[in-house]
Amino acid sequence: MDGPHLIYFSDPMCSWCYGFSPVVAEIRRAFGRALPIRLVMGGLRPGTEEPMTLAARAEVTAHWRHVHDATGLPFDESALGEGFVYDTDPAARAVVVVRRDDPELALTYLERIQRAFYAEARNVTQAEVLADLAAEVGADRDAFLAQWSQEDAREETWRDYAISQRAGVTGFPTLVAGPGESGEFGVVTRGYAPPDQVVGVLKAWIDRIAA
């Protein structure tokens, strides 16, 4: 991407990123392809192997209630059932696979995974669930599964995590815009901000660099 664009550091199993999904939708409505979004997976809890403890579930669902209070989005706490392993890598890898062929569809797919997990209590750590969701947004289910299970998809996903770390991103969502007048990139928001605020900042930025 050579012209003005956004870099969105996100994770499909990050509750504040789910809360930010209406903001991304509003950005896409307001600017369309005039301001493309490059999606980078941040790596929230990749490679987690142990089931969540009761204390961990209580801590996470408390965060979910904060997101609900701020955004009004629905949550189904039964998503964190007994024995649930909060490994974010399978869902992040799924987004990366869809992104290969269609970066815009990957944004739609990211939101679909978030809604499936948080609002519908579907287990998005499972390949079959991720494939069903990919098919819902228009991806080829069999091709998706074939790519998702390959080592190169894992490596590509972990490269995303490394990009996030090198960029100094320590929390999600993080939205960055650039290049500016001098080729610089700047942070639009670290963490959740409401749609009107984010779109207003971006409109002012676009007007400034176009002047």
N, C-alpha and C. Protein backbone atom coordinates (compact mmCIF):
# COMPACT_ATOMS: atom_id res chain seq x y z
N MET A 1 0.84 -1.18 0.00
CA MET A 1 0.00 0.00 0.00
C MET A 1 0.88 1.24 0.00
N ASP A 2 0.80 2.02 -1.08
CA ASP A 2 1.66 3.19 -1.20
C ASP A 2 0.99 4.47 -0.73
N GLY A 3 -0.31 4.64 -1.00
CA GLY A 3 -1.01 5.84 -0.61
C GLY A 3 -1.47 5.79 0.84
N PRO A 4 -2.25 6.77 1.27
CA PRO A 4 -2.76 6.77 2.64
C PRO A 4 -3.53 5.48 2.95
N HIS A 5 -3.21 4.89 4.07
CA HIS A 5 -3.88 3.67 4.49
C HIS A 5 -3.78 3.52 6.00
N LEU A 6 -4.50 2.55 6.50
CA LEU A 6 -4.50 2.25 7.93
C LEU A 6 -3.86 0.89 8.16
N ILE A 7 -3.22 0.74 9.30
CA ILE A 7 -2.74 -0.57 9.76
C ILE A 7 -3.49 -0.87 11.05
N TYR A 8 -4.20 -1.97 11.02
CA TYR A 8 -5.04 -2.34 12.16
C TYR A 8 -4.46 -3.57 12.83
N PHE A 9 -3.91 -3.40 14.03
CA PHE A 9 -3.37 -4.50 14.83
C PHE A 9 -4.51 -5.02 15.70
N SER A 10 -4.86 -6.29 15.48
CA SER A 10 -6.06 -6.82 16.10
C SER A 10 -5.88 -8.29 16.44
N ASP A 11 -6.87 -8.85 17.09
CA ASP A 11 -6.90 -10.28 17.38
C ASP A 11 -8.35 -10.72 17.43
N PRO A 12 -8.68 -11.83 16.78
CA PRO A 12 -10.09 -12.25 16.73
C PRO A 12 -10.68 -12.62 18.08
N MET A 13 -9.82 -12.92 19.08
CA MET A 13 -10.33 -13.32 20.39
C MET A 13 -9.98 -12.28 21.45
N CYS A 14 -9.85 -11.04 21.03
CA CYS A 14 -9.65 -9.90 21.93
C CYS A 14 -10.99 -9.20 22.09
N SER A 15 -11.48 -9.09 23.31
CA SER A 15 -12.83 -8.56 23.51
C SER A 15 -12.92 -7.07 23.13
N TRP A 16 -11.88 -6.29 23.38
CA TRP A 16 -11.93 -4.89 22.99
C TRP A 16 -11.86 -4.73 21.48
N CYS A 17 -11.23 -5.68 20.79
CA CYS A 17 -11.25 -5.67 19.32
C CYS A 17 -12.66 -5.97 18.81
N TYR A 18 -13.34 -6.88 19.47
CA TYR A 18 -14.75 -7.11 19.16
C TYR A 18 -15.54 -5.83 19.37
N GLY A 19 -15.28 -5.14 20.48
CA GLY A 19 -15.93 -3.87 20.74
C GLY A 19 -15.61 -2.83 19.68
N PHE A 20 -14.44 -2.95 19.07
CA PHE A 20 -14.00 -2.00 18.05
C PHE A 20 -14.55 -2.33 16.68
N SER A 21 -15.18 -3.49 16.51
CA SER A 21 -15.65 -3.91 15.19
C SER A 21 -16.64 -2.94 14.56
N PRO A 22 -17.57 -2.33 15.32
CA PRO A 22 -18.43 -1.31 14.68
C PRO A 22 -17.65 -0.09 14.21
N VAL A 23 -16.53 0.20 14.87
CA VAL A 23 -15.69 1.33 14.45
C VAL A 23 -15.06 1.02 13.10
N VAL A 24 -14.54 -0.19 12.95
CA VAL A 24 -13.95 -0.60 11.68
C VAL A 24 -15.01 -0.56 10.58
N ALA A 25 -16.21 -1.04 10.89
CA ALA A 25 -17.29 -1.01 9.91
C ALA A 25 -17.61 0.42 9.49
N GLU A 26 -17.60 1.34 10.44
CA GLU A 26 -17.90 2.74 10.12
C GLU A 26 -16.78 3.36 9.29
N ILE A 27 -15.54 3.01 9.57
CA ILE A 27 -14.41 3.49 8.76
C ILE A 27 -14.58 3.01 7.32
N ARG A 28 -14.94 1.74 7.16
CA ARG A 28 -15.10 1.20 5.81
C ARG A 28 -16.26 1.87 5.08
N ARG A 29 -17.33 2.20 5.81
CA ARG A 29 -18.46 2.89 5.18
C ARG A 29 -18.08 4.32 4.80
N ALA A 30 -17.33 4.97 5.66
CA ALA A 30 -17.01 6.38 5.45
C ALA A 30 -15.99 6.61 4.33
N PHE A 31 -15.03 5.68 4.20
CA PHE A 31 -13.92 5.92 3.28
C PHE A 31 -13.82 4.91 2.14
N GLY A 32 -14.39 3.72 2.34
CA GLY A 32 -14.32 2.70 1.30
C GLY A 32 -12.88 2.38 0.92
N ARG A 33 -12.67 2.17 -0.35
CA ARG A 33 -11.33 1.80 -0.82
C ARG A 33 -10.38 2.98 -0.90
N ALA A 34 -10.88 4.18 -0.64
CA ALA A 34 -10.01 5.35 -0.62
C ALA A 34 -9.06 5.33 0.57
N LEU A 35 -9.39 4.56 1.59
CA LEU A 35 -8.52 4.43 2.76
C LEU A 35 -8.48 2.95 3.15
N PRO A 36 -7.68 2.16 2.44
CA PRO A 36 -7.63 0.73 2.72
C PRO A 36 -7.05 0.44 4.09
N ILE A 37 -7.40 -0.72 4.60
CA ILE A 37 -6.97 -1.14 5.94
C ILE A 37 -6.10 -2.39 5.80
N ARG A 38 -4.89 -2.30 6.27
CA ARG A 38 -4.00 -3.47 6.33
C ARG A 38 -4.18 -4.11 7.70
N LEU A 39 -4.58 -5.35 7.70
CA LEU A 39 -4.90 -6.07 8.93
C LEU A 39 -3.70 -6.90 9.37
N VAL A 40 -3.26 -6.71 10.62
CA VAL A 40 -2.13 -7.46 11.18
C VAL A 40 -2.60 -8.14 12.47
N MET A 41 -2.33 -9.44 12.58
CA MET A 41 -2.71 -10.17 13.77
C MET A 41 -1.71 -9.90 14.89
N GLY A 42 -2.25 -9.53 16.06
CA GLY A 42 -1.38 -9.11 17.14
C GLY A 42 -0.81 -10.23 17.99
N GLY A 43 -1.53 -11.33 18.12
CA GLY A 43 -1.04 -12.42 18.95
C GLY A 43 -1.37 -12.21 20.42
N LEU A 44 -2.65 -12.39 20.77
CA LEU A 44 -3.09 -12.15 22.14
C LEU A 44 -2.61 -13.25 23.09
N ARG A 45 -2.99 -14.49 22.78
CA ARG A 45 -2.58 -15.64 23.62
C ARG A 45 -2.25 -16.84 22.75
N PRO A 46 -1.37 -16.69 21.78
CA PRO A 46 -1.11 -17.81 20.88
C PRO A 46 -0.34 -18.93 21.58
N GLY A 47 -0.74 -20.15 21.28
CA GLY A 47 -0.03 -21.30 21.82
C GLY A 47 -0.43 -21.70 23.22
N THR A 48 -1.48 -21.11 23.77
CA THR A 48 -1.97 -21.50 25.10
C THR A 48 -2.42 -22.95 25.06
N GLU A 49 -2.03 -23.72 26.08
CA GLU A 49 -2.35 -25.15 26.09
C GLU A 49 -3.19 -25.58 27.29
N GLU A 50 -3.18 -24.80 28.36
CA GLU A 50 -3.88 -25.19 29.58
C GLU A 50 -5.31 -24.64 29.60
N PRO A 51 -6.26 -25.45 30.05
CA PRO A 51 -7.63 -24.94 30.19
C PRO A 51 -7.69 -23.77 31.17
N MET A 52 -8.66 -22.91 30.97
CA MET A 52 -8.83 -21.77 31.85
C MET A 52 -9.25 -22.21 33.25
N THR A 53 -8.71 -21.54 34.25
CA THR A 53 -9.14 -21.77 35.62
C THR A 53 -10.40 -20.95 35.88
N LEU A 54 -11.05 -21.24 36.99
CA LEU A 54 -12.23 -20.48 37.37
C LEU A 54 -11.87 -19.00 37.57
N ALA A 55 -10.71 -18.76 38.17
CA ALA A 55 -10.29 -17.38 38.41
C ALA A 55 -10.04 -16.65 37.09
N ALA A 56 -9.43 -17.34 36.14
CA ALA A 56 -9.16 -16.73 34.84
C ALA A 56 -10.46 -16.42 34.11
N ARG A 57 -11.43 -17.34 34.19
CA ARG A 57 -12.72 -17.09 33.55
C ARG A 57 -13.41 -15.89 34.17
N ALA A 58 -13.34 -15.78 35.49
CA ALA A 58 -13.97 -14.64 36.16
C ALA A 58 -13.31 -13.33 35.74
N GLU A 59 -11.99 -13.33 35.61
CA GLU A 59 -11.28 -12.12 35.20
C GLU A 59 -11.65 -11.72 33.77
N VAL A 60 -11.69 -12.70 32.87
CA VAL A 60 -11.98 -12.40 31.46
C VAL A 60 -13.41 -11.93 31.30
N THR A 61 -14.36 -12.59 31.94
CA THR A 61 -15.76 -12.17 31.78
C THR A 61 -16.00 -10.79 32.39
N ALA A 62 -15.21 -10.42 33.39
CA ALA A 62 -15.32 -9.06 33.92
C ALA A 62 -14.91 -8.05 32.86
N HIS A 63 -13.85 -8.36 32.10
CA HIS A 63 -13.45 -7.50 30.98
C HIS A 63 -14.57 -7.43 29.95
N TRP A 64 -15.22 -8.57 29.68
CA TRP A 64 -16.29 -8.60 28.70
C TRP A 64 -17.43 -7.66 29.11
N ARG A 65 -17.72 -7.61 30.40
CA ARG A 65 -18.80 -6.73 30.86
C ARG A 65 -18.43 -5.27 30.66
N HIS A 66 -17.15 -4.95 30.82
CA HIS A 66 -16.70 -3.58 30.57
C HIS A 66 -16.90 -3.22 29.09
N VAL A 67 -16.57 -4.16 28.21
CA VAL A 67 -16.75 -3.92 26.78
C VAL A 67 -18.23 -3.75 26.45
N HIS A 68 -19.05 -4.60 27.03
CA HIS A 68 -20.50 -4.47 26.80
C HIS A 68 -21.00 -3.11 27.26
N ASP A 69 -20.54 -2.66 28.44
CA ASP A 69 -20.99 -1.38 28.97
C ASP A 69 -20.59 -0.23 28.04
N ALA A 70 -19.40 -0.34 27.44
CA ALA A 70 -18.88 0.73 26.59
C ALA A 70 -19.50 0.73 25.20
N THR A 71 -19.88 -0.45 24.71
CA THR A 71 -20.27 -0.57 23.30
C THR A 71 -21.70 -1.05 23.09
N GLY A 72 -22.27 -1.72 24.08
CA GLY A 72 -23.59 -2.30 23.92
C GLY A 72 -23.61 -3.63 23.18
N LEU A 73 -22.46 -4.13 22.78
CA LEU A 73 -22.42 -5.39 22.04
C LEU A 73 -22.74 -6.56 22.96
N PRO A 74 -23.39 -7.60 22.41
CA PRO A 74 -23.79 -8.73 23.24
C PRO A 74 -22.64 -9.69 23.51
N PHE A 75 -22.68 -10.33 24.67
CA PHE A 75 -21.71 -11.36 25.05
C PHE A 75 -22.46 -12.55 25.62
N ASP A 76 -21.98 -13.75 25.31
CA ASP A 76 -22.50 -14.98 25.88
C ASP A 76 -21.35 -15.62 26.65
N GLU A 77 -21.41 -15.52 27.97
CA GLU A 77 -20.30 -15.99 28.79
C GLU A 77 -20.13 -17.51 28.78
N SER A 78 -21.10 -18.22 28.24
CA SER A 78 -20.95 -19.68 28.14
C SER A 78 -19.88 -20.06 27.12
N ALA A 79 -19.38 -19.09 26.35
CA ALA A 79 -18.26 -19.36 25.45
C ALA A 79 -17.05 -19.90 26.20
N LEU A 80 -16.91 -19.50 27.46
CA LEU A 80 -15.78 -19.95 28.27
C LEU A 80 -16.22 -21.09 29.17
N GLY A 81 -16.67 -22.17 28.55
CA GLY A 81 -17.15 -23.31 29.32
C GLY A 81 -16.02 -24.08 29.97
N GLU A 82 -16.39 -25.06 30.77
CA GLU A 82 -15.40 -25.87 31.48
C GLU A 82 -14.44 -26.53 30.49
N GLY A 83 -13.17 -26.42 30.77
CA GLY A 83 -12.16 -27.04 29.93
C GLY A 83 -11.74 -26.21 28.73
N PHE A 84 -12.28 -24.99 28.57
CA PHE A 84 -11.95 -24.18 27.39
C PHE A 84 -10.49 -23.75 27.44
N VAL A 85 -9.81 -23.95 26.32
CA VAL A 85 -8.40 -23.54 26.18
C VAL A 85 -8.38 -22.27 25.32
N TYR A 86 -7.95 -21.17 25.93
CA TYR A 86 -8.01 -19.86 25.26
C TYR A 86 -6.76 -19.66 24.39
N ASP A 87 -6.68 -20.47 23.34
CA ASP A 87 -5.58 -20.35 22.38
C ASP A 87 -6.06 -19.51 21.21
N THR A 88 -5.47 -18.34 21.04
CA THR A 88 -5.92 -17.42 20.00
C THR A 88 -5.29 -17.69 18.64
N ASP A 89 -4.34 -18.59 18.58
CA ASP A 89 -3.63 -18.80 17.32
C ASP A 89 -4.50 -19.39 16.21
N PRO A 90 -5.35 -20.39 16.48
CA PRO A 90 -6.15 -20.95 15.37
C PRO A 90 -7.00 -19.90 14.67
N ALA A 91 -7.66 -19.03 15.42
CA ALA A 91 -8.52 -18.02 14.81
C ALA A 91 -7.70 -16.97 14.08
N ALA A 92 -6.56 -16.57 14.65
CA ALA A 92 -5.70 -15.61 13.97
C ALA A 92 -5.19 -16.18 12.66
N ARG A 93 -4.80 -17.45 12.68
CA ARG A 93 -4.31 -18.10 11.45
C ARG A 93 -5.42 -18.16 10.41
N ALA A 94 -6.64 -18.37 10.85
CA ALA A 94 -7.77 -18.40 9.93
C ALA A 94 -7.91 -17.07 9.20
N VAL A 95 -7.78 -15.96 9.94
CA VAL A 95 -7.88 -14.64 9.32
C VAL A 95 -6.75 -14.44 8.32
N VAL A 96 -5.56 -14.88 8.67
CA VAL A 96 -4.41 -14.76 7.77
C VAL A 96 -4.65 -15.52 6.47
N VAL A 97 -5.23 -16.70 6.57
CA VAL A 97 -5.50 -17.51 5.37
C VAL A 97 -6.49 -16.78 4.46
N VAL A 98 -7.55 -16.24 5.02
CA VAL A 98 -8.53 -15.51 4.21
C VAL A 98 -7.90 -14.25 3.63
N ARG A 99 -7.05 -13.61 4.40
CA ARG A 99 -6.39 -12.38 3.96
C ARG A 99 -5.53 -12.59 2.72
N ARG A 100 -4.99 -13.77 2.54
CA ARG A 100 -4.11 -14.05 1.40
C ARG A 100 -4.76 -13.70 0.07
N ASP A 101 -6.01 -14.07 -0.09
CA ASP A 101 -6.72 -13.86 -1.35
C ASP A 101 -7.52 -12.56 -1.39
N ASP A 102 -7.93 -12.09 -0.21
CA ASP A 102 -8.83 -10.93 -0.21
C ASP A 102 -8.71 -10.18 1.13
N PRO A 103 -7.85 -9.16 1.19
CA PRO A 103 -7.67 -8.41 2.44
C PRO A 103 -8.97 -7.79 2.97
N GLU A 104 -9.84 -7.35 2.06
CA GLU A 104 -11.10 -6.76 2.52
C GLU A 104 -12.02 -7.83 3.12
N LEU A 105 -12.05 -9.00 2.51
CA LEU A 105 -12.86 -10.09 3.06
C LEU A 105 -12.33 -10.51 4.43
N ALA A 106 -11.03 -10.40 4.62
CA ALA A 106 -10.45 -10.75 5.91
C ALA A 106 -11.00 -9.88 7.03
N LEU A 107 -11.26 -8.61 6.74
CA LEU A 107 -11.87 -7.73 7.74
C LEU A 107 -13.28 -8.18 8.08
N THR A 108 -14.03 -8.57 7.06
CA THR A 108 -15.39 -9.09 7.28
C THR A 108 -15.34 -10.39 8.08
N TYR A 109 -14.37 -11.23 7.73
CA TYR A 109 -14.23 -12.53 8.41
C TYR A 109 -13.81 -12.33 9.87
N LEU A 110 -12.92 -11.39 10.12
CA LEU A 110 -12.52 -11.09 11.49
C LEU A 110 -13.74 -10.77 12.34
N GLU A 111 -14.59 -9.90 11.83
CA GLU A 111 -15.80 -9.53 12.57
C GLU A 111 -16.71 -10.72 12.76
N ARG A 112 -16.79 -11.61 11.77
CA ARG A 112 -17.66 -12.78 11.88
C ARG A 112 -17.16 -13.73 12.96
N ILE A 113 -15.84 -13.93 13.03
CA ILE A 113 -15.28 -14.77 14.09
C ILE A 113 -15.58 -14.17 15.45
N GLN A 114 -15.37 -12.87 15.58
CA GLN A 114 -15.63 -12.21 16.86
C GLN A 114 -17.07 -12.39 17.30
N ARG A 115 -17.99 -12.16 16.38
CA ARG A 115 -19.40 -12.29 16.74
C ARG A 115 -19.75 -13.74 17.09
N ALA A 116 -19.17 -14.68 16.35
CA ALA A 116 -19.44 -16.10 16.63
C ALA A 116 -18.96 -16.49 18.02
N PHE A 117 -17.79 -16.01 18.40
CA PHE A 117 -17.23 -16.36 19.70
C PHE A 117 -17.96 -15.64 20.84
N TYR A 118 -18.03 -14.33 20.75
CA TYR A 118 -18.52 -13.55 21.88
C TYR A 118 -20.04 -13.57 22.01
N ALA A 119 -20.75 -13.48 20.91
CA ALA A 119 -22.21 -13.37 20.98
C ALA A 119 -22.92 -14.70 20.81
N GLU A 120 -22.26 -15.67 20.14
CA GLU A 120 -22.91 -16.94 19.84
C GLU A 120 -22.29 -18.12 20.57
N ALA A 121 -21.23 -17.88 21.32
CA ALA A 121 -20.56 -18.91 22.13
C ALA A 121 -20.09 -20.10 21.30
N ARG A 122 -19.64 -19.82 20.08
CA ARG A 122 -19.09 -20.89 19.25
C ARG A 122 -17.59 -21.01 19.50
N ASN A 123 -17.08 -22.22 19.45
CA ASN A 123 -15.67 -22.46 19.77
C ASN A 123 -14.79 -22.20 18.55
N VAL A 124 -14.27 -20.99 18.47
CA VAL A 124 -13.51 -20.58 17.30
C VAL A 124 -12.04 -20.99 17.39
N THR A 125 -11.73 -21.89 18.33
CA THR A 125 -10.40 -22.51 18.31
C THR A 125 -10.41 -23.78 17.47
N GLN A 126 -11.58 -24.17 16.97
CA GLN A 126 -11.74 -25.43 16.24
C GLN A 126 -11.77 -25.20 14.73
N ALA A 127 -11.04 -26.04 14.00
CA ALA A 127 -10.91 -25.88 12.55
C ALA A 127 -12.25 -25.91 11.84
N GLU A 128 -13.12 -26.83 12.21
CA GLU A 128 -14.39 -26.97 11.51
C GLU A 128 -15.27 -25.74 11.70
N VAL A 129 -15.25 -25.17 12.89
CA VAL A 129 -16.03 -23.95 13.14
C VAL A 129 -15.48 -22.81 12.31
N LEU A 130 -14.17 -22.66 12.30
CA LEU A 130 -13.54 -21.60 11.52
C LEU A 130 -13.83 -21.76 10.03
N ALA A 131 -13.84 -23.00 9.56
CA ALA A 131 -14.14 -23.25 8.14
C ALA A 131 -15.59 -22.92 7.82
N ASP A 132 -16.50 -23.26 8.72
CA ASP A 132 -17.91 -22.92 8.51
C ASP A 132 -18.09 -21.40 8.42
N LEU A 133 -17.40 -20.68 9.29
CA LEU A 133 -17.51 -19.22 9.29
C LEU A 133 -16.89 -18.62 8.03
N ALA A 134 -15.79 -19.21 7.59
CA ALA A 134 -15.16 -18.74 6.34
C ALA A 134 -16.12 -18.92 5.17
N ALA A 135 -16.80 -20.06 5.14
CA ALA A 135 -17.76 -20.30 4.06
C ALA A 135 -18.92 -19.30 4.13
N GLU A 136 -19.33 -18.93 5.35
CA GLU A 136 -20.42 -17.97 5.50
C GLU A 136 -20.11 -16.63 4.85
N VAL A 137 -18.84 -16.22 4.89
CA VAL A 137 -18.49 -14.91 4.32
C VAL A 137 -18.05 -15.02 2.86
N GLY A 138 -18.09 -16.23 2.31
CA GLY A 138 -17.84 -16.39 0.88
C GLY A 138 -16.54 -17.06 0.49
N ALA A 139 -15.75 -17.52 1.46
CA ALA A 139 -14.51 -18.23 1.14
C ALA A 139 -14.83 -19.69 0.79
N ASP A 140 -13.93 -20.31 0.06
CA ASP A 140 -14.07 -21.72 -0.29
C ASP A 140 -13.68 -22.56 0.93
N ARG A 141 -14.63 -23.33 1.46
CA ARG A 141 -14.41 -24.04 2.71
C ARG A 141 -13.27 -25.04 2.62
N ASP A 142 -13.25 -25.85 1.57
CA ASP A 142 -12.23 -26.89 1.45
C ASP A 142 -10.84 -26.29 1.25
N ALA A 143 -10.76 -25.25 0.42
CA ALA A 143 -9.48 -24.59 0.20
C ALA A 143 -8.99 -23.93 1.49
N PHE A 144 -9.92 -23.36 2.23
CA PHE A 144 -9.56 -22.76 3.51
C PHE A 144 -8.94 -23.79 4.44
N LEU A 145 -9.62 -24.92 4.61
CA LEU A 145 -9.12 -25.94 5.53
C LEU A 145 -7.75 -26.47 5.09
N ALA A 146 -7.58 -26.64 3.79
CA ALA A 146 -6.30 -27.15 3.29
C ALA A 146 -5.16 -26.19 3.63
N GLN A 147 -5.41 -24.89 3.46
CA GLN A 147 -4.37 -23.91 3.75
C GLN A 147 -4.17 -23.72 5.25
N TRP A 148 -5.25 -23.71 6.00
CA TRP A 148 -5.18 -23.44 7.44
C TRP A 148 -4.30 -24.46 8.17
N SER A 149 -4.31 -25.70 7.70
CA SER A 149 -3.57 -26.76 8.39
C SER A 149 -2.09 -26.82 8.01
N GLN A 150 -1.67 -25.98 7.07
CA GLN A 150 -0.29 -26.06 6.59
C GLN A 150 0.66 -25.24 7.48
N GLU A 151 1.92 -25.70 7.51
CA GLU A 151 2.93 -25.03 8.33
C GLU A 151 3.19 -23.61 7.86
N ASP A 152 3.10 -23.37 6.55
CA ASP A 152 3.38 -22.01 6.07
C ASP A 152 2.34 -21.01 6.58
N ALA A 153 1.12 -21.47 6.82
CA ALA A 153 0.10 -20.58 7.39
C ALA A 153 0.45 -20.24 8.84
N ARG A 154 0.94 -21.22 9.57
CA ARG A 154 1.39 -20.96 10.95
C ARG A 154 2.54 -19.96 10.96
N GLU A 155 3.49 -20.16 10.06
CA GLU A 155 4.65 -19.27 10.01
C GLU A 155 4.24 -17.85 9.63
N GLU A 156 3.33 -17.72 8.68
CA GLU A 156 2.86 -16.41 8.26
C GLU A 156 2.15 -15.69 9.41
N THR A 157 1.40 -16.43 10.19
CA THR A 157 0.69 -15.85 11.32
C THR A 157 1.67 -15.37 12.39
N TRP A 158 2.68 -16.17 12.66
CA TRP A 158 3.66 -15.77 13.67
C TRP A 158 4.51 -14.60 13.18
N ARG A 159 4.65 -14.45 11.89
CA ARG A 159 5.32 -13.25 11.37
C ARG A 159 4.50 -12.01 11.68
N ASP A 160 3.17 -12.14 11.60
CA ASP A 160 2.31 -11.03 12.01
C ASP A 160 2.59 -10.64 13.46
N TYR A 161 2.66 -11.63 14.33
CA TYR A 161 2.92 -11.34 15.75
C TYR A 161 4.25 -10.59 15.90
N ALA A 162 5.24 -11.02 15.13
CA ALA A 162 6.55 -10.38 15.20
C ALA A 162 6.49 -8.93 14.72
N ILE A 163 5.70 -8.69 13.66
CA ILE A 163 5.52 -7.32 13.16
C ILE A 163 4.91 -6.45 14.26
N SER A 164 3.92 -6.96 14.95
CA SER A 164 3.28 -6.22 16.04
C SER A 164 4.28 -5.88 17.13
N GLN A 165 5.10 -6.85 17.48
CA GLN A 165 6.09 -6.62 18.53
C GLN A 165 7.12 -5.59 18.11
N ARG A 166 7.60 -5.70 16.87
CA ARG A 166 8.60 -4.74 16.39
C ARG A 166 8.02 -3.33 16.29
N ALA A 167 6.72 -3.24 16.03
CA ALA A 167 6.07 -1.94 15.94
C ALA A 167 5.79 -1.34 17.32
N GLY A 168 6.07 -2.10 18.36
CA GLY A 168 5.84 -1.60 19.71
C GLY A 168 4.40 -1.64 20.15
N VAL A 169 3.60 -2.45 19.49
CA VAL A 169 2.19 -2.56 19.85
C VAL A 169 2.07 -3.45 21.09
N THR A 170 1.51 -2.90 22.14
CA THR A 170 1.40 -3.64 23.39
C THR A 170 -0.04 -3.95 23.78
N GLY A 171 -0.99 -3.48 23.01
CA GLY A 171 -2.39 -3.76 23.30
C GLY A 171 -3.23 -3.64 22.05
N PHE A 172 -4.39 -4.25 22.10
CA PHE A 172 -5.28 -4.28 20.94
C PHE A 172 -6.66 -3.81 21.38
N PRO A 173 -7.37 -3.10 20.49
CA PRO A 173 -6.98 -2.73 19.12
C PRO A 173 -6.00 -1.56 19.10
N THR A 174 -5.13 -1.54 18.11
CA THR A 174 -4.29 -0.38 17.82
C THR A 174 -4.46 -0.06 16.34
N LEU A 175 -4.75 1.21 16.05
CA LEU A 175 -4.97 1.65 14.68
C LEU A 175 -3.96 2.73 14.35
N VAL A 176 -3.24 2.53 13.24
CA VAL A 176 -2.17 3.43 12.80
C VAL A 176 -2.50 3.93 11.40
N ALA A 177 -2.21 5.20 11.14
CA ALA A 177 -2.47 5.80 9.83
C ALA A 177 -1.19 6.36 9.24
N GLY A 178 -1.09 6.29 7.91
CA GLY A 178 0.07 6.85 7.23
C GLY A 178 0.01 6.52 5.75
N PRO A 179 1.00 6.91 4.98
CA PRO A 179 2.04 7.85 5.38
C PRO A 179 1.51 9.29 5.34
N GLY A 180 2.06 10.12 6.23
CA GLY A 180 1.69 11.52 6.25
C GLY A 180 2.52 12.33 5.28
N GLU A 181 2.54 13.62 5.49
CA GLU A 181 3.23 14.52 4.56
C GLU A 181 4.72 14.21 4.45
N SER A 182 5.31 13.75 5.54
CA SER A 182 6.75 13.44 5.53
C SER A 182 7.01 11.94 5.52
N GLY A 183 5.97 11.17 5.17
CA GLY A 183 6.13 9.71 5.12
C GLY A 183 5.97 9.02 6.45
N GLU A 184 5.56 9.78 7.47
CA GLU A 184 5.46 9.20 8.81
C GLU A 184 4.13 8.49 9.00
N PHE A 185 4.10 7.59 9.98
CA PHE A 185 2.88 6.93 10.42
C PHE A 185 2.59 7.35 11.86
N GLY A 186 1.32 7.53 12.16
CA GLY A 186 0.94 7.95 13.50
C GLY A 186 -0.19 7.11 14.05
N VAL A 187 -0.26 7.02 15.36
CA VAL A 187 -1.29 6.24 16.02
C VAL A 187 -2.61 7.01 16.03
N VAL A 188 -3.65 6.40 15.54
CA VAL A 188 -5.00 6.97 15.59
C VAL A 188 -5.63 6.68 16.95
N THR A 189 -5.51 5.44 17.38
CA THR A 189 -6.01 5.07 18.70
C THR A 189 -5.30 3.82 19.19
N ARG A 190 -4.98 3.82 20.47
CA ARG A 190 -4.55 2.62 21.19
C ARG A 190 -5.69 2.26 22.12
N GLY A 191 -6.35 1.15 21.86
CA GLY A 191 -7.52 0.80 22.63
C GLY A 191 -8.79 1.32 21.99
N TYR A 192 -9.89 1.05 22.64
CA TYR A 192 -11.21 1.40 22.09
C TYR A 192 -11.43 2.90 22.09
N ALA A 193 -12.03 3.39 21.01
CA ALA A 193 -12.56 4.75 20.93
C ALA A 193 -13.83 4.67 20.10
N PRO A 194 -14.80 5.53 20.35
CA PRO A 194 -16.08 5.44 19.64
C PRO A 194 -15.96 5.80 18.16
N PRO A 195 -16.90 5.30 17.34
CA PRO A 195 -16.81 5.49 15.89
C PRO A 195 -16.71 6.94 15.46
N ASP A 196 -17.54 7.82 16.03
CA ASP A 196 -17.53 9.21 15.57
C ASP A 196 -16.20 9.88 15.85
N GLN A 197 -15.57 9.53 16.95
CA GLN A 197 -14.27 10.11 17.29
C GLN A 197 -13.20 9.65 16.30
N VAL A 198 -13.16 8.34 16.03
CA VAL A 198 -12.13 7.81 15.14
C VAL A 198 -12.32 8.32 13.72
N VAL A 199 -13.53 8.29 13.22
CA VAL A 199 -13.79 8.78 11.86
C VAL A 199 -13.49 10.26 11.76
N GLY A 200 -13.80 11.03 12.80
CA GLY A 200 -13.49 12.45 12.79
C GLY A 200 -12.00 12.71 12.71
N VAL A 201 -11.22 11.96 13.47
CA VAL A 201 -9.75 12.10 13.41
C VAL A 201 -9.24 11.77 12.02
N LEU A 202 -9.77 10.72 11.43
CA LEU A 202 -9.30 10.30 10.10
C LEU A 202 -9.69 11.31 9.03
N LYS A 203 -10.89 11.86 9.11
CA LYS A 203 -11.30 12.87 8.13
C LYS A 203 -10.40 14.10 8.21
N ALA A 204 -10.09 14.52 9.42
CA ALA A 204 -9.21 15.67 9.59
C ALA A 204 -7.82 15.38 9.03
N TRP A 205 -7.33 14.17 9.26
CA TRP A 205 -6.01 13.77 8.75
C TRP A 205 -5.99 13.75 7.21
N ILE A 206 -7.04 13.16 6.63
CA ILE A 206 -7.13 13.11 5.16
C ILE A 206 -7.17 14.51 4.57
N ASP A 207 -7.96 15.38 5.18
CA ASP A 207 -8.04 16.76 4.70
C ASP A 207 -6.68 17.47 4.78
N ARG A 208 -5.95 17.20 5.85
CA ARG A 208 -4.67 17.86 6.06
C ARG A 208 -3.64 17.43 5.02
N ILE A 209 -3.55 16.13 4.77
CA ILE A 209 -2.52 15.68 3.82
C ILE A 209 -2.92 15.96 2.38
N ALA A 210 -4.25 16.19 2.15
CA ALA A 210 -4.70 16.50 0.78
C ALA A 210 -4.57 17.99 0.45
N ALA A 211 -4.39 18.80 1.50
CA ALA A 211 -4.34 20.28 1.29
C ALA A 211 -3.06 20.71 0.57
